[in-house]
């Protein structure tokens, strides 16, 4: 990976790797789940003390967590709510 790679691109690549597909095959695009410009700018600040302690969001059934250093952790959600499937 390139050292200047954006955080959102890093996330897309990690999820694509897990799903064994190319990053451009991920649908919906990540910007549907989170404002990627805002996310990337949070972690581009020159003063790392201003980084949030943690950012967490859900994308494609994964919980994506970014810590204050910009380290990305991706975990498959155990149970996802599907509004099209209801149980009685």
C-alpha atoms as a PDB file:
ATOM      1  CA  UNK A   1       0.000   0.000   0.000  1.00  0.00           C
ATOM      2  CA  UNK A   2       1.102   3.531  -0.687  1.00  0.00           C
ATOM      3  CA  UNK A   3       1.824   5.710   2.340  1.00  0.00           C
ATOM      4  CA  UNK A   4      -0.331   8.518   0.916  1.00  0.00           C
ATOM      5  CA  UNK A   5      -3.338   6.260   0.327  1.00  0.00           C
ATOM      6  CA  UNK A   6      -6.609   7.679   1.642  1.00  0.00           C
ATOM      7  CA  UNK A   7      -8.238   5.988   4.603  1.00  0.00           C
ATOM      8  CA  UNK A   8     -11.470   5.356   2.697  1.00  0.00           C
ATOM      9  CA  UNK A   9      -9.576   3.623  -0.121  1.00  0.00           C
ATOM     10  CA  UNK A  10      -7.738   1.497   2.454  1.00  0.00           C
ATOM     11  CA  UNK A  11     -11.119   0.398   3.876  1.00  0.00           C
ATOM     12  CA  UNK A  12     -12.509  -0.430   0.419  1.00  0.00           C
ATOM     13  CA  UNK A  13      -9.429  -2.500  -0.407  1.00  0.00           C
ATOM     14  CA  UNK A  14      -9.621  -4.441   2.874  1.00  0.00           C
ATOM     15  CA  UNK A  15     -13.296  -5.303   2.382  1.00  0.00           C
ATOM     16  CA  UNK A  16     -12.790  -6.233  -1.268  1.00  0.00           C
ATOM     17  CA  UNK A  17      -9.921  -8.504  -0.240  1.00  0.00           C
ATOM     18  CA  UNK A  18     -12.135 -10.220   2.338  1.00  0.00           C
ATOM     19  CA  UNK A  19     -14.864 -10.743  -0.241  1.00  0.00           C
ATOM     20  CA  UNK A  20     -12.329 -11.813  -2.870  1.00  0.00           C
ATOM     21  CA  UNK A  21     -13.465  -9.239  -5.418  1.00  0.00           C
ATOM     22  CA  UNK A  22     -11.969  -6.136  -6.997  1.00  0.00           C
ATOM     23  CA  UNK A  23     -12.547  -2.865  -5.071  1.00  0.00           C
ATOM     24  CA  UNK A  24     -14.541  -1.374  -7.955  1.00  0.00           C
ATOM     25  CA  UNK A  25     -16.986  -4.315  -7.702  1.00  0.00           C
ATOM     26  CA  UNK A  26     -18.183  -3.266  -4.226  1.00  0.00           C
ATOM     27  CA  UNK A  27     -21.789  -2.090  -4.336  1.00  0.00           C
ATOM     28  CA  UNK A  28     -23.097   0.155  -2.983  1.00  0.00           C
ATOM     29  CA  UNK A  29     -20.057   2.442  -2.981  1.00  0.00           C
ATOM     30  CA  UNK A  30     -18.593   3.279   0.426  1.00  0.00           C
ATOM     31  CA  UNK A  31     -19.794   6.898   0.244  1.00  0.00           C
ATOM     32  CA  UNK A  32     -23.336   5.587   0.751  1.00  0.00           C
ATOM     33  CA  UNK A  33     -22.309   4.474   4.265  1.00  0.00           C
ATOM     34  CA  UNK A  34     -20.074   7.413   5.274  1.00  0.00           C
ATOM     35  CA  UNK A  35     -18.893  10.767   3.945  1.00  0.00           C
ATOM     36  CA  UNK A  36     -15.496   9.660   2.655  1.00  0.00           C
ATOM     37  CA  UNK A  37     -14.159  13.201   2.193  1.00  0.00           C
ATOM     38  CA  UNK A  38     -14.906  13.990   5.845  1.00  0.00           C
ATOM     39  CA  UNK A  39     -13.460  10.671   7.024  1.00  0.00           C
ATOM     40  CA  UNK A  40     -10.242  11.141   5.053  1.00  0.00           C
ATOM     41  CA  UNK A  41      -9.828  14.733   6.252  1.00  0.00           C
ATOM     42  CA  UNK A  42     -10.231  13.675   9.897  1.00  0.00           C
ATOM     43  CA  UNK A  43      -7.097  11.572   9.633  1.00  0.00           C
ATOM     44  CA  UNK A  44      -5.065  13.875   7.383  1.00  0.00           C
ATOM     45  CA  UNK A  45      -4.638  16.512  10.060  1.00  0.00           C
ATOM     46  CA  UNK A  46      -1.009  17.255  10.825  1.00  0.00           C
ATOM     47  CA  UNK A  47      -1.754  17.248  14.556  1.00  0.00           C
ATOM     48  CA  UNK A  48      -2.585  13.619  15.407  1.00  0.00           C
ATOM     49  CA  UNK A  49      -3.851  14.692  18.834  1.00  0.00           C
ATOM     50  CA  UNK A  50      -6.881  16.150  17.047  1.00  0.00           C
ATOM     51  CA  UNK A  51      -7.841  12.781  15.556  1.00  0.00           C
ATOM     52  CA  UNK A  52     -11.023  11.265  16.997  1.00  0.00           C
ATOM     53  CA  UNK A  53     -10.464   8.467  19.504  1.00  0.00           C
ATOM     54  CA  UNK A  54     -12.594   6.138  17.373  1.00  0.00           C
ATOM     55  CA  UNK A  55     -14.830   6.220  14.311  1.00  0.00           C
ATOM     56  CA  UNK A  56     -17.166   3.318  13.684  1.00  0.00           C
ATOM     57  CA  UNK A  57     -19.679   2.642  10.916  1.00  0.00           C
ATOM     58  CA  UNK A  58     -21.315  -0.261   9.092  1.00  0.00           C
ATOM     59  CA  UNK A  59     -20.647  -1.023   5.434  1.00  0.00           C
ATOM     60  CA  UNK A  60     -21.682  -4.136   3.477  1.00  0.00           C
ATOM     61  CA  UNK A  61     -22.346  -6.148   6.620  1.00  0.00           C
ATOM     62  CA  UNK A  62     -19.009  -5.227   8.220  1.00  0.00           C
ATOM     63  CA  UNK A  63     -18.403  -3.062  11.248  1.00  0.00           C
ATOM     64  CA  UNK A  64     -15.528  -0.761  10.340  1.00  0.00           C
ATOM     65  CA  UNK A  65     -13.615   0.754  13.253  1.00  0.00           C
ATOM     66  CA  UNK A  66     -10.822   3.298  12.904  1.00  0.00           C
ATOM     67  CA  UNK A  67      -8.758   4.173  15.971  1.00  0.00           C
ATOM     68  CA  UNK A  68      -6.986   7.450  16.752  1.00  0.00           C
ATOM     69  CA  UNK A  69      -3.869   6.355  14.839  1.00  0.00           C
ATOM     70  CA  UNK A  70      -5.843   5.594  11.673  1.00  0.00           C
ATOM     71  CA  UNK A  71      -5.586   1.830  12.139  1.00  0.00           C
ATOM     72  CA  UNK A  72      -8.553   0.079  10.472  1.00  0.00           C
ATOM     73  CA  UNK A  73     -10.312  -2.971  11.907  1.00  0.00           C
ATOM     74  CA  UNK A  74     -13.026  -4.730   9.905  1.00  0.00           C
ATOM     75  CA  UNK A  75     -15.305  -7.315  11.496  1.00  0.00           C
ATOM     76  CA  UNK A  76     -18.165  -9.214   9.909  1.00  0.00           C
ATOM     77  CA  UNK A  77     -21.404  -8.432  11.712  1.00  0.00           C
ATOM     78  CA  UNK A  78     -22.864 -11.480  13.413  1.00  0.00           C
ATOM     79  CA  UNK A  79     -26.480 -10.683  12.659  1.00  0.00           C
ATOM     80  CA  UNK A  80     -27.616  -8.102  10.173  1.00  0.00           C
ATOM     81  CA  UNK A  81     -31.147  -6.753  10.168  1.00  0.00           C
ATOM     82  CA  UNK A  82     -32.863  -7.356   6.850  1.00  0.00           C
ATOM     83  CA  UNK A  83     -36.144  -5.403   6.573  1.00  0.00           C
ATOM     84  CA  UNK A  84     -37.265  -7.690   3.742  1.00  0.00           C
ATOM     85  CA  UNK A  85     -37.151 -10.734   6.028  1.00  0.00           C
ATOM     86  CA  UNK A  86     -39.469 -10.748   8.991  1.00  0.00           C
ATOM     87  CA  UNK A  87     -39.910 -13.463  11.562  1.00  0.00           C
ATOM     88  CA  UNK A  88     -43.057 -13.893  13.579  1.00  0.00           C
END
